[in-house]
Amino acid sequence: RKQFTAGLSAEVEQQISALGLPLIVKPSREGSSVGMSKVSESCALQNALALAFQHDDEVLIEKWLSGPEFTVAIVGEEILPSIRIQAAGTFYDYEAKYLSDETQYFCPGLEDSAREAEIQALVQKAWDSLGCYGWGRIDVMLDSDGQFYLLEANTSPGMTSHSLVPMAARQAGMSFSQLVVRILDLAG
């Protein structure tokens, strides 16, 4: 934030420029896509940073990935089926998550069983590398070249009947009640 209010240094501007456009700008520790912006023109960067800094003192600026978004839930030692998220807008933002009836979810997210196994293995490796335990989910993007990219780990995901972890659990044959009991058992 200090660098932003004082003006971006030439070094920071060069690093941002090296990412190319478009970019995604988001608060580091905010959830539900609050404060996120897609930046398609360099003149929009300052407004995107200002919005993100309203929600956190630390902001992430990343290269925009074009392609479908997935989430993969883990409950204990079990990796649940992936969910492919198809938002009607530019990206899976707050409105797409909580307000829109146009967002579509496909579970399992990948029809090809080899690709499903690949995304699950990637998520397991990330989960273990981050030292996560219990339950949560990892969000993944698939770029236009067919390469998976990890977005983030969510170790405290939503648990309403419409949330993503219960959706994946349902696909795996687990009722909402069974899922809740499993999570409570993991808390030990």
N, C-alpha and C. Protein backbone atom coordinates (compact mmCIF):
# COMPACT_ATOMS: atom_id res chain seq x y z
N ARG A 1 0.83 -1.18 0.00
CA ARG A 1 0.00 0.00 0.00
C ARG A 1 0.87 1.25 0.00
N LYS A 2 1.96 1.20 0.77
CA LYS A 2 2.84 2.36 0.85
C LYS A 2 3.37 2.73 -0.54
N GLN A 3 3.80 1.71 -1.30
CA GLN A 3 4.32 1.97 -2.65
C GLN A 3 3.23 2.53 -3.54
N PHE A 4 2.00 2.06 -3.36
CA PHE A 4 0.91 2.52 -4.21
C PHE A 4 0.60 3.98 -3.94
N THR A 5 0.49 4.36 -2.66
CA THR A 5 0.14 5.74 -2.33
C THR A 5 1.27 6.70 -2.69
N ALA A 6 2.50 6.24 -2.64
CA ALA A 6 3.65 7.09 -2.99
C ALA A 6 3.91 7.07 -4.49
N GLY A 7 3.23 6.21 -5.21
CA GLY A 7 3.48 6.04 -6.63
C GLY A 7 4.35 4.81 -6.84
N LEU A 8 4.02 4.04 -7.84
CA LEU A 8 4.76 2.80 -8.09
C LEU A 8 6.18 3.11 -8.55
N SER A 9 7.12 2.38 -8.02
CA SER A 9 8.52 2.56 -8.43
C SER A 9 8.69 2.05 -9.86
N ALA A 10 9.75 2.47 -10.50
CA ALA A 10 10.05 2.02 -11.87
C ALA A 10 10.21 0.50 -11.90
N GLU A 11 10.82 -0.04 -10.84
CA GLU A 11 11.03 -1.49 -10.77
C GLU A 11 9.70 -2.24 -10.72
N VAL A 12 8.78 -1.76 -9.88
CA VAL A 12 7.47 -2.40 -9.76
C VAL A 12 6.70 -2.26 -11.08
N GLU A 13 6.75 -1.08 -11.67
CA GLU A 13 6.07 -0.88 -12.95
C GLU A 13 6.63 -1.82 -14.02
N GLN A 14 7.92 -2.03 -14.00
CA GLN A 14 8.56 -2.93 -14.97
C GLN A 14 8.11 -4.38 -14.74
N GLN A 15 8.02 -4.79 -13.47
CA GLN A 15 7.56 -6.14 -13.15
C GLN A 15 6.11 -6.35 -13.61
N ILE A 16 5.28 -5.34 -13.38
CA ILE A 16 3.88 -5.43 -13.80
C ILE A 16 3.81 -5.49 -15.32
N SER A 17 4.58 -4.65 -15.98
CA SER A 17 4.60 -4.60 -17.44
C SER A 17 5.04 -5.94 -18.03
N ALA A 18 5.97 -6.60 -17.37
CA ALA A 18 6.47 -7.89 -17.85
C ALA A 18 5.39 -8.97 -17.85
N LEU A 19 4.38 -8.81 -16.99
CA LEU A 19 3.28 -9.77 -16.96
C LEU A 19 2.43 -9.68 -18.21
N GLY A 20 2.37 -8.50 -18.80
CA GLY A 20 1.53 -8.28 -19.96
C GLY A 20 0.08 -8.07 -19.55
N LEU A 21 -0.74 -7.73 -20.52
CA LEU A 21 -2.17 -7.53 -20.28
C LEU A 21 -2.94 -8.66 -20.95
N PRO A 22 -4.09 -8.99 -20.44
CA PRO A 22 -4.73 -8.47 -19.24
C PRO A 22 -4.13 -9.05 -17.96
N LEU A 23 -4.50 -8.38 -16.84
CA LEU A 23 -4.06 -8.77 -15.50
C LEU A 23 -5.28 -8.98 -14.61
N ILE A 24 -5.07 -9.67 -13.52
CA ILE A 24 -6.07 -9.73 -12.45
C ILE A 24 -5.43 -9.09 -11.23
N VAL A 25 -6.16 -8.19 -10.58
CA VAL A 25 -5.68 -7.50 -9.39
C VAL A 25 -6.65 -7.85 -8.27
N LYS A 26 -6.09 -8.32 -7.14
CA LYS A 26 -6.99 -8.74 -6.06
C LYS A 26 -6.32 -8.56 -4.70
N PRO A 27 -7.15 -8.31 -3.67
CA PRO A 27 -6.61 -8.26 -2.31
C PRO A 27 -6.04 -9.62 -1.94
N SER A 28 -4.96 -9.61 -1.20
CA SER A 28 -4.27 -10.86 -0.86
C SER A 28 -5.09 -11.75 0.07
N ARG A 29 -5.79 -11.15 1.02
CA ARG A 29 -6.45 -11.96 2.05
C ARG A 29 -7.96 -11.75 2.09
N GLU A 30 -8.57 -11.49 0.98
CA GLU A 30 -10.01 -11.29 0.93
C GLU A 30 -10.63 -12.52 0.27
N GLY A 31 -11.87 -12.78 0.56
CA GLY A 31 -12.54 -13.93 -0.02
C GLY A 31 -13.67 -13.51 -0.93
N SER A 32 -14.28 -14.48 -1.59
CA SER A 32 -15.46 -14.28 -2.43
C SER A 32 -15.24 -13.32 -3.59
N SER A 33 -14.00 -13.15 -4.00
CA SER A 33 -13.63 -12.27 -5.13
C SER A 33 -13.92 -10.80 -4.85
N VAL A 34 -14.09 -10.43 -3.60
CA VAL A 34 -14.32 -9.04 -3.23
C VAL A 34 -13.06 -8.24 -3.54
N GLY A 35 -13.22 -7.11 -4.20
CA GLY A 35 -12.10 -6.23 -4.50
C GLY A 35 -11.27 -6.65 -5.70
N MET A 36 -11.72 -7.65 -6.45
CA MET A 36 -10.98 -8.13 -7.62
C MET A 36 -11.36 -7.35 -8.86
N SER A 37 -10.39 -7.16 -9.75
CA SER A 37 -10.64 -6.49 -11.03
C SER A 37 -9.81 -7.13 -12.12
N LYS A 38 -10.40 -7.18 -13.30
CA LYS A 38 -9.63 -7.54 -14.50
C LYS A 38 -9.16 -6.24 -15.13
N VAL A 39 -7.88 -6.17 -15.43
CA VAL A 39 -7.29 -4.97 -16.03
C VAL A 39 -6.89 -5.32 -17.46
N SER A 40 -7.60 -4.72 -18.43
CA SER A 40 -7.32 -4.99 -19.84
C SER A 40 -6.51 -3.88 -20.49
N GLU A 41 -6.50 -2.70 -19.87
CA GLU A 41 -5.74 -1.56 -20.38
C GLU A 41 -4.92 -0.99 -19.24
N SER A 42 -3.70 -0.57 -19.53
CA SER A 42 -2.81 -0.08 -18.47
C SER A 42 -3.38 1.11 -17.71
N CYS A 43 -4.22 1.91 -18.36
CA CYS A 43 -4.81 3.07 -17.69
C CYS A 43 -5.79 2.66 -16.59
N ALA A 44 -6.25 1.41 -16.57
CA ALA A 44 -7.20 0.94 -15.56
C ALA A 44 -6.51 0.36 -14.33
N LEU A 45 -5.18 0.24 -14.37
CA LEU A 45 -4.46 -0.39 -13.26
C LEU A 45 -4.60 0.38 -11.95
N GLN A 46 -4.48 1.70 -11.99
CA GLN A 46 -4.56 2.49 -10.76
C GLN A 46 -5.91 2.31 -10.06
N ASN A 47 -7.00 2.31 -10.82
CA ASN A 47 -8.32 2.12 -10.21
C ASN A 47 -8.46 0.72 -9.62
N ALA A 48 -7.92 -0.28 -10.31
CA ALA A 48 -7.98 -1.65 -9.80
C ALA A 48 -7.18 -1.78 -8.51
N LEU A 49 -6.01 -1.16 -8.46
CA LEU A 49 -5.20 -1.18 -7.24
C LEU A 49 -5.92 -0.46 -6.10
N ALA A 50 -6.52 0.69 -6.39
CA ALA A 50 -7.24 1.44 -5.36
C ALA A 50 -8.37 0.60 -4.78
N LEU A 51 -9.12 -0.09 -5.64
CA LEU A 51 -10.20 -0.95 -5.16
C LEU A 51 -9.66 -2.08 -4.29
N ALA A 52 -8.63 -2.74 -4.74
CA ALA A 52 -8.06 -3.86 -3.98
C ALA A 52 -7.52 -3.39 -2.63
N PHE A 53 -6.87 -2.22 -2.61
CA PHE A 53 -6.32 -1.70 -1.36
C PHE A 53 -7.40 -1.25 -0.37
N GLN A 54 -8.63 -1.10 -0.83
CA GLN A 54 -9.73 -0.81 0.10
C GLN A 54 -10.02 -2.03 0.98
N HIS A 55 -9.56 -3.20 0.55
CA HIS A 55 -9.90 -4.44 1.24
C HIS A 55 -8.72 -5.12 1.92
N ASP A 56 -7.50 -4.69 1.63
CA ASP A 56 -6.31 -5.33 2.21
C ASP A 56 -5.12 -4.41 2.02
N ASP A 57 -4.13 -4.56 2.88
CA ASP A 57 -2.89 -3.80 2.74
C ASP A 57 -1.92 -4.46 1.78
N GLU A 58 -2.23 -5.67 1.35
CA GLU A 58 -1.39 -6.41 0.43
C GLU A 58 -2.23 -6.83 -0.77
N VAL A 59 -1.70 -6.60 -1.96
CA VAL A 59 -2.44 -6.87 -3.19
C VAL A 59 -1.64 -7.80 -4.09
N LEU A 60 -2.35 -8.68 -4.77
CA LEU A 60 -1.73 -9.57 -5.75
C LEU A 60 -2.05 -9.07 -7.15
N ILE A 61 -1.05 -9.07 -8.00
CA ILE A 61 -1.23 -8.75 -9.42
C ILE A 61 -0.71 -9.95 -10.19
N GLU A 62 -1.59 -10.55 -10.97
CA GLU A 62 -1.24 -11.78 -11.67
C GLU A 62 -1.62 -11.67 -13.14
N LYS A 63 -0.93 -12.44 -13.95
CA LYS A 63 -1.28 -12.54 -15.36
C LYS A 63 -2.68 -13.15 -15.46
N TRP A 64 -3.52 -12.59 -16.31
CA TRP A 64 -4.86 -13.11 -16.53
C TRP A 64 -4.77 -14.43 -17.27
N LEU A 65 -5.44 -15.44 -16.77
CA LEU A 65 -5.49 -16.73 -17.45
C LEU A 65 -6.85 -16.89 -18.10
N SER A 66 -6.84 -17.16 -19.37
CA SER A 66 -8.08 -17.35 -20.11
C SER A 66 -8.38 -18.84 -20.18
N GLY A 67 -9.51 -19.22 -19.69
CA GLY A 67 -9.88 -20.63 -19.71
C GLY A 67 -10.79 -20.95 -18.56
N PRO A 68 -11.24 -22.18 -18.48
CA PRO A 68 -12.18 -22.55 -17.43
C PRO A 68 -11.53 -22.59 -16.04
N GLU A 69 -12.36 -22.29 -15.04
CA GLU A 69 -11.93 -22.35 -13.64
C GLU A 69 -12.51 -23.61 -13.01
N PHE A 70 -11.70 -24.23 -12.16
CA PHE A 70 -12.10 -25.44 -11.45
C PHE A 70 -11.84 -25.25 -9.97
N THR A 71 -12.55 -26.02 -9.17
CA THR A 71 -12.20 -26.13 -7.77
C THR A 71 -12.23 -27.61 -7.41
N VAL A 72 -11.31 -27.99 -6.54
CA VAL A 72 -11.22 -29.39 -6.11
C VAL A 72 -11.18 -29.40 -4.59
N ALA A 73 -12.14 -30.10 -4.00
CA ALA A 73 -12.24 -30.17 -2.54
C ALA A 73 -11.51 -31.40 -2.01
N ILE A 74 -10.98 -31.25 -0.81
CA ILE A 74 -10.34 -32.35 -0.11
C ILE A 74 -10.98 -32.45 1.27
N VAL A 75 -11.36 -33.67 1.64
CA VAL A 75 -11.92 -33.92 2.96
C VAL A 75 -11.12 -35.08 3.55
N GLY A 76 -10.28 -34.76 4.51
CA GLY A 76 -9.40 -35.78 5.08
C GLY A 76 -8.42 -36.25 4.03
N GLU A 77 -8.44 -37.54 3.76
CA GLU A 77 -7.55 -38.13 2.75
C GLU A 77 -8.24 -38.27 1.39
N GLU A 78 -9.49 -37.85 1.31
CA GLU A 78 -10.26 -38.05 0.07
C GLU A 78 -10.30 -36.77 -0.77
N ILE A 79 -9.92 -36.93 -2.02
CA ILE A 79 -10.04 -35.83 -2.98
C ILE A 79 -11.37 -36.02 -3.69
N LEU A 80 -12.21 -35.01 -3.63
CA LEU A 80 -13.54 -35.10 -4.23
C LEU A 80 -13.47 -34.73 -5.72
N PRO A 81 -14.50 -35.05 -6.49
CA PRO A 81 -14.50 -34.73 -7.91
C PRO A 81 -14.36 -33.21 -8.14
N SER A 82 -13.68 -32.86 -9.21
CA SER A 82 -13.52 -31.44 -9.53
C SER A 82 -14.86 -30.85 -9.95
N ILE A 83 -14.96 -29.53 -9.81
CA ILE A 83 -16.12 -28.79 -10.28
C ILE A 83 -15.61 -27.75 -11.27
N ARG A 84 -16.18 -27.75 -12.48
CA ARG A 84 -15.87 -26.69 -13.44
C ARG A 84 -16.91 -25.60 -13.27
N ILE A 85 -16.43 -24.37 -13.17
CA ILE A 85 -17.29 -23.23 -12.91
C ILE A 85 -17.38 -22.40 -14.18
N GLN A 86 -18.60 -22.15 -14.62
CA GLN A 86 -18.80 -21.34 -15.81
C GLN A 86 -19.65 -20.13 -15.44
N ALA A 87 -18.98 -19.00 -15.26
CA ALA A 87 -19.67 -17.76 -14.91
C ALA A 87 -20.14 -17.07 -16.19
N ALA A 88 -21.24 -16.36 -16.09
CA ALA A 88 -21.77 -15.66 -17.26
C ALA A 88 -20.95 -14.41 -17.58
N GLY A 89 -20.34 -13.81 -16.57
CA GLY A 89 -19.58 -12.57 -16.76
C GLY A 89 -18.12 -12.82 -17.10
N THR A 90 -17.31 -11.81 -16.87
CA THR A 90 -15.89 -11.86 -17.19
C THR A 90 -15.14 -12.90 -16.39
N PHE A 91 -15.46 -13.01 -15.10
CA PHE A 91 -14.84 -14.01 -14.25
C PHE A 91 -15.78 -14.36 -13.11
N TYR A 92 -15.39 -15.32 -12.32
CA TYR A 92 -16.22 -15.83 -11.22
C TYR A 92 -16.11 -14.87 -10.04
N ASP A 93 -16.85 -13.77 -10.13
CA ASP A 93 -16.78 -12.71 -9.13
C ASP A 93 -17.89 -12.88 -8.08
N TYR A 94 -17.98 -11.91 -7.19
CA TYR A 94 -18.96 -11.98 -6.10
C TYR A 94 -20.37 -12.19 -6.64
N GLU A 95 -20.72 -11.43 -7.67
CA GLU A 95 -22.07 -11.54 -8.23
C GLU A 95 -22.31 -12.95 -8.79
N ALA A 96 -21.34 -13.48 -9.51
CA ALA A 96 -21.49 -14.82 -10.09
C ALA A 96 -21.61 -15.88 -9.00
N LYS A 97 -20.94 -15.67 -7.87
CA LYS A 97 -20.96 -16.65 -6.78
C LYS A 97 -22.25 -16.63 -5.98
N TYR A 98 -22.77 -15.43 -5.73
CA TYR A 98 -23.85 -15.32 -4.76
C TYR A 98 -25.16 -14.74 -5.28
N LEU A 99 -25.13 -14.04 -6.41
CA LEU A 99 -26.33 -13.35 -6.85
C LEU A 99 -26.90 -13.85 -8.18
N SER A 100 -26.05 -14.33 -9.05
CA SER A 100 -26.47 -14.70 -10.40
C SER A 100 -27.08 -16.10 -10.44
N ASP A 101 -28.13 -16.23 -11.23
CA ASP A 101 -28.71 -17.54 -11.50
C ASP A 101 -28.12 -18.13 -12.78
N GLU A 102 -27.19 -17.41 -13.41
CA GLU A 102 -26.64 -17.84 -14.69
C GLU A 102 -25.33 -18.62 -14.56
N THR A 103 -24.72 -18.62 -13.38
CA THR A 103 -23.49 -19.38 -13.19
C THR A 103 -23.82 -20.86 -13.25
N GLN A 104 -23.00 -21.60 -13.99
CA GLN A 104 -23.22 -23.04 -14.13
C GLN A 104 -22.06 -23.80 -13.50
N TYR A 105 -22.38 -24.95 -12.93
CA TYR A 105 -21.39 -25.81 -12.27
C TYR A 105 -21.49 -27.21 -12.88
N PHE A 106 -20.33 -27.78 -13.21
CA PHE A 106 -20.28 -29.11 -13.80
C PHE A 106 -19.40 -29.99 -12.92
N CYS A 107 -19.99 -31.08 -12.42
CA CYS A 107 -19.25 -31.95 -11.51
C CYS A 107 -19.52 -33.40 -11.88
N PRO A 108 -18.50 -34.18 -12.23
CA PRO A 108 -17.11 -33.78 -12.26
C PRO A 108 -16.85 -32.77 -13.38
N GLY A 109 -15.83 -31.96 -13.15
CA GLY A 109 -15.54 -30.86 -14.06
C GLY A 109 -14.86 -31.26 -15.34
N LEU A 110 -14.23 -32.40 -15.35
CA LEU A 110 -13.51 -32.87 -16.53
C LEU A 110 -14.08 -34.21 -16.97
N GLU A 111 -14.50 -34.29 -18.21
CA GLU A 111 -15.08 -35.53 -18.72
C GLU A 111 -14.02 -36.60 -18.95
N ASP A 112 -12.82 -36.18 -19.27
CA ASP A 112 -11.70 -37.10 -19.52
C ASP A 112 -11.15 -37.56 -18.17
N SER A 113 -11.24 -38.86 -17.89
CA SER A 113 -10.82 -39.37 -16.58
C SER A 113 -9.33 -39.17 -16.33
N ALA A 114 -8.52 -39.18 -17.39
CA ALA A 114 -7.08 -38.94 -17.21
C ALA A 114 -6.82 -37.50 -16.77
N ARG A 115 -7.56 -36.56 -17.35
CA ARG A 115 -7.40 -35.14 -16.95
C ARG A 115 -7.93 -34.93 -15.53
N GLU A 116 -9.01 -35.62 -15.19
CA GLU A 116 -9.55 -35.53 -13.82
C GLU A 116 -8.52 -36.05 -12.83
N ALA A 117 -7.88 -37.16 -13.15
CA ALA A 117 -6.83 -37.70 -12.28
C ALA A 117 -5.65 -36.73 -12.19
N GLU A 118 -5.34 -36.06 -13.30
CA GLU A 118 -4.23 -35.10 -13.32
C GLU A 118 -4.51 -33.90 -12.41
N ILE A 119 -5.71 -33.35 -12.49
CA ILE A 119 -6.03 -32.19 -11.65
C ILE A 119 -6.07 -32.60 -10.18
N GLN A 120 -6.58 -33.79 -9.89
CA GLN A 120 -6.63 -34.26 -8.51
C GLN A 120 -5.22 -34.48 -7.95
N ALA A 121 -4.32 -35.02 -8.76
CA ALA A 121 -2.93 -35.23 -8.31
C ALA A 121 -2.24 -33.89 -8.06
N LEU A 122 -2.48 -32.92 -8.94
CA LEU A 122 -1.90 -31.59 -8.76
C LEU A 122 -2.40 -30.95 -7.47
N VAL A 123 -3.69 -31.06 -7.22
CA VAL A 123 -4.28 -30.50 -6.01
C VAL A 123 -3.74 -31.19 -4.77
N GLN A 124 -3.61 -32.51 -4.81
CA GLN A 124 -3.05 -33.24 -3.66
C GLN A 124 -1.64 -32.77 -3.36
N LYS A 125 -0.84 -32.61 -4.41
CA LYS A 125 0.55 -32.16 -4.23
C LYS A 125 0.59 -30.75 -3.63
N ALA A 126 -0.27 -29.86 -4.12
CA ALA A 126 -0.32 -28.50 -3.58
C ALA A 126 -0.78 -28.51 -2.13
N TRP A 127 -1.80 -29.28 -1.83
CA TRP A 127 -2.36 -29.39 -0.47
C TRP A 127 -1.27 -29.83 0.50
N ASP A 128 -0.55 -30.88 0.11
CA ASP A 128 0.52 -31.40 0.96
C ASP A 128 1.68 -30.41 1.08
N SER A 129 2.06 -29.79 -0.04
CA SER A 129 3.18 -28.83 -0.04
C SER A 129 2.89 -27.63 0.85
N LEU A 130 1.64 -27.22 0.89
CA LEU A 130 1.25 -26.07 1.72
C LEU A 130 1.06 -26.45 3.19
N GLY A 131 1.10 -27.74 3.49
CA GLY A 131 0.91 -28.19 4.87
C GLY A 131 -0.53 -28.13 5.32
N CYS A 132 -1.46 -28.16 4.38
CA CYS A 132 -2.88 -28.11 4.72
C CYS A 132 -3.32 -29.46 5.29
N TYR A 133 -4.35 -29.43 6.09
CA TYR A 133 -4.90 -30.66 6.65
C TYR A 133 -6.37 -30.43 6.95
N GLY A 134 -7.08 -31.52 7.22
CA GLY A 134 -8.50 -31.41 7.51
C GLY A 134 -9.31 -31.40 6.23
N TRP A 135 -9.85 -30.24 5.91
CA TRP A 135 -10.67 -30.13 4.72
C TRP A 135 -10.51 -28.75 4.12
N GLY A 136 -10.85 -28.62 2.86
CA GLY A 136 -10.77 -27.34 2.16
C GLY A 136 -10.86 -27.58 0.67
N ARG A 137 -10.44 -26.58 -0.08
CA ARG A 137 -10.44 -26.74 -1.54
C ARG A 137 -9.33 -25.92 -2.15
N ILE A 138 -8.97 -26.30 -3.36
CA ILE A 138 -7.95 -25.59 -4.12
C ILE A 138 -8.55 -25.21 -5.46
N ASP A 139 -8.38 -23.95 -5.83
CA ASP A 139 -8.91 -23.44 -7.09
C ASP A 139 -7.82 -23.50 -8.16
N VAL A 140 -8.25 -23.86 -9.36
CA VAL A 140 -7.33 -24.12 -10.47
C VAL A 140 -7.90 -23.51 -11.75
N MET A 141 -7.02 -23.00 -12.60
CA MET A 141 -7.42 -22.54 -13.93
C MET A 141 -6.78 -23.46 -14.96
N LEU A 142 -7.44 -23.60 -16.08
CA LEU A 142 -6.91 -24.34 -17.22
C LEU A 142 -6.72 -23.34 -18.35
N ASP A 143 -5.48 -23.13 -18.78
CA ASP A 143 -5.24 -22.12 -19.81
C ASP A 143 -5.54 -22.67 -21.20
N SER A 144 -5.43 -21.81 -22.19
CA SER A 144 -5.77 -22.19 -23.56
C SER A 144 -4.84 -23.25 -24.14
N ASP A 145 -3.68 -23.47 -23.51
CA ASP A 145 -2.76 -24.51 -23.95
C ASP A 145 -2.98 -25.84 -23.22
N GLY A 146 -4.01 -25.90 -22.36
CA GLY A 146 -4.30 -27.13 -21.64
C GLY A 146 -3.47 -27.34 -20.39
N GLN A 147 -2.82 -26.28 -19.91
CA GLN A 147 -1.97 -26.35 -18.72
C GLN A 147 -2.78 -25.91 -17.49
N PHE A 148 -2.71 -26.69 -16.42
CA PHE A 148 -3.37 -26.31 -15.17
C PHE A 148 -2.50 -25.33 -14.40
N TYR A 149 -3.12 -24.33 -13.78
CA TYR A 149 -2.44 -23.36 -12.92
C TYR A 149 -3.18 -23.28 -11.59
N LEU A 150 -2.46 -23.40 -10.51
CA LEU A 150 -3.06 -23.27 -9.19
C LEU A 150 -3.34 -21.80 -8.91
N LEU A 151 -4.53 -21.51 -8.41
CA LEU A 151 -4.88 -20.14 -8.06
C LEU A 151 -4.68 -19.88 -6.58
N GLU A 152 -5.34 -20.70 -5.76
CA GLU A 152 -5.26 -20.48 -4.32
C GLU A 152 -5.83 -21.67 -3.57
N ALA A 153 -5.46 -21.73 -2.30
CA ALA A 153 -6.01 -22.73 -1.39
C ALA A 153 -7.02 -22.03 -0.50
N ASN A 154 -8.12 -22.67 -0.25
CA ASN A 154 -9.14 -22.14 0.63
C ASN A 154 -9.33 -23.15 1.76
N THR A 155 -8.82 -22.82 2.93
CA THR A 155 -8.89 -23.76 4.06
C THR A 155 -10.10 -23.51 4.96
N SER A 156 -10.96 -22.60 4.52
CA SER A 156 -12.19 -22.34 5.26
C SER A 156 -13.31 -22.01 4.26
N PRO A 157 -13.62 -22.97 3.38
CA PRO A 157 -14.61 -22.69 2.34
C PRO A 157 -16.04 -22.68 2.89
N GLY A 158 -16.94 -22.16 2.08
CA GLY A 158 -18.34 -22.09 2.45
C GLY A 158 -18.93 -23.48 2.67
N MET A 159 -19.93 -23.53 3.53
CA MET A 159 -20.57 -24.81 3.84
C MET A 159 -22.09 -24.72 3.85
N THR A 160 -22.64 -23.89 2.97
CA THR A 160 -24.09 -23.89 2.84
C THR A 160 -24.46 -25.05 1.91
N SER A 161 -25.72 -25.32 1.80
CA SER A 161 -26.14 -26.41 0.92
C SER A 161 -25.85 -26.09 -0.54
N HIS A 162 -25.56 -24.82 -0.86
CA HIS A 162 -25.27 -24.41 -2.24
C HIS A 162 -23.78 -24.18 -2.47
N SER A 163 -22.95 -24.43 -1.48
CA SER A 163 -21.51 -24.20 -1.61
C SER A 163 -20.85 -25.32 -2.41
N LEU A 164 -19.61 -25.07 -2.81
CA LEU A 164 -18.91 -25.98 -3.72
C LEU A 164 -18.48 -27.29 -3.08
N VAL A 165 -18.01 -27.27 -1.84
CA VAL A 165 -17.58 -28.52 -1.20
C VAL A 165 -18.77 -29.47 -1.04
N PRO A 166 -19.92 -29.02 -0.54
CA PRO A 166 -21.06 -29.93 -0.48
C PRO A 166 -21.50 -30.45 -1.85
N MET A 167 -21.35 -29.62 -2.89
CA MET A 167 -21.69 -30.05 -4.24
C MET A 167 -20.80 -31.22 -4.69
N ALA A 168 -19.50 -31.09 -4.46
CA ALA A 168 -18.56 -32.16 -4.82
C ALA A 168 -18.80 -33.40 -3.97
N ALA A 169 -19.10 -33.20 -2.69
CA ALA A 169 -19.36 -34.33 -1.80
C ALA A 169 -20.60 -35.10 -2.27
N ARG A 170 -21.61 -34.35 -2.67
CA ARG A 170 -22.84 -34.98 -3.18
C ARG A 170 -22.52 -35.86 -4.40
N GLN A 171 -21.67 -35.35 -5.29
CA GLN A 171 -21.27 -36.12 -6.48
C GLN A 171 -20.52 -37.39 -6.08
N ALA A 172 -19.80 -37.33 -4.96
CA ALA A 172 -19.03 -38.49 -4.48
C ALA A 172 -19.90 -39.43 -3.63
N GLY A 173 -21.21 -39.13 -3.53
CA GLY A 173 -22.12 -40.01 -2.81
C GLY A 173 -22.26 -39.70 -1.33
N MET A 174 -21.84 -38.51 -0.93
CA MET A 174 -21.89 -38.13 0.48
C MET A 174 -23.00 -37.08 0.68
N SER A 175 -23.89 -37.32 1.61
CA SER A 175 -24.94 -36.34 1.90
C SER A 175 -24.33 -35.15 2.65
N PHE A 176 -25.08 -34.07 2.73
CA PHE A 176 -24.61 -32.89 3.45
C PHE A 176 -24.35 -33.25 4.92
N SER A 177 -25.25 -34.01 5.52
CA SER A 177 -25.08 -34.42 6.92
C SER A 177 -23.83 -35.27 7.10
N GLN A 178 -23.61 -36.21 6.19
CA GLN A 178 -22.41 -37.05 6.27
C GLN A 178 -21.14 -36.21 6.13
N LEU A 179 -21.18 -35.22 5.25
CA LEU A 179 -20.04 -34.33 5.07
C LEU A 179 -19.74 -33.56 6.35
N VAL A 180 -20.77 -33.02 6.97
CA VAL A 180 -20.58 -32.26 8.21
C VAL A 180 -19.99 -33.15 9.30
N VAL A 181 -20.49 -34.36 9.43
CA VAL A 181 -19.97 -35.29 10.44
C VAL A 181 -18.50 -35.61 10.15
N ARG A 182 -18.16 -35.81 8.87
CA ARG A 182 -16.76 -36.08 8.51
C ARG A 182 -15.85 -34.93 8.88
N ILE A 183 -16.30 -33.72 8.60
CA ILE A 183 -15.50 -32.54 8.93
C ILE A 183 -15.33 -32.41 10.44
N LEU A 184 -16.39 -32.66 11.18
CA LEU A 184 -16.29 -32.61 12.65
C LEU A 184 -15.36 -33.69 13.17
N ASP A 185 -15.41 -34.87 12.58
CA ASP A 185 -14.49 -35.94 12.99
C ASP A 185 -13.03 -35.54 12.73
N LEU A 186 -12.79 -34.84 11.63
CA LEU A 186 -11.43 -34.41 11.30
C LEU A 186 -10.90 -33.39 12.30
N ALA A 187 -11.83 -32.65 12.91
CA ALA A 187 -11.42 -31.64 13.90
C ALA A 187 -10.97 -32.30 15.20
N GLY A 188 -11.31 -33.57 15.32
CA GLY A 188 -10.83 -34.43 16.38
C GLY A 188 -11.20 -34.11 17.75
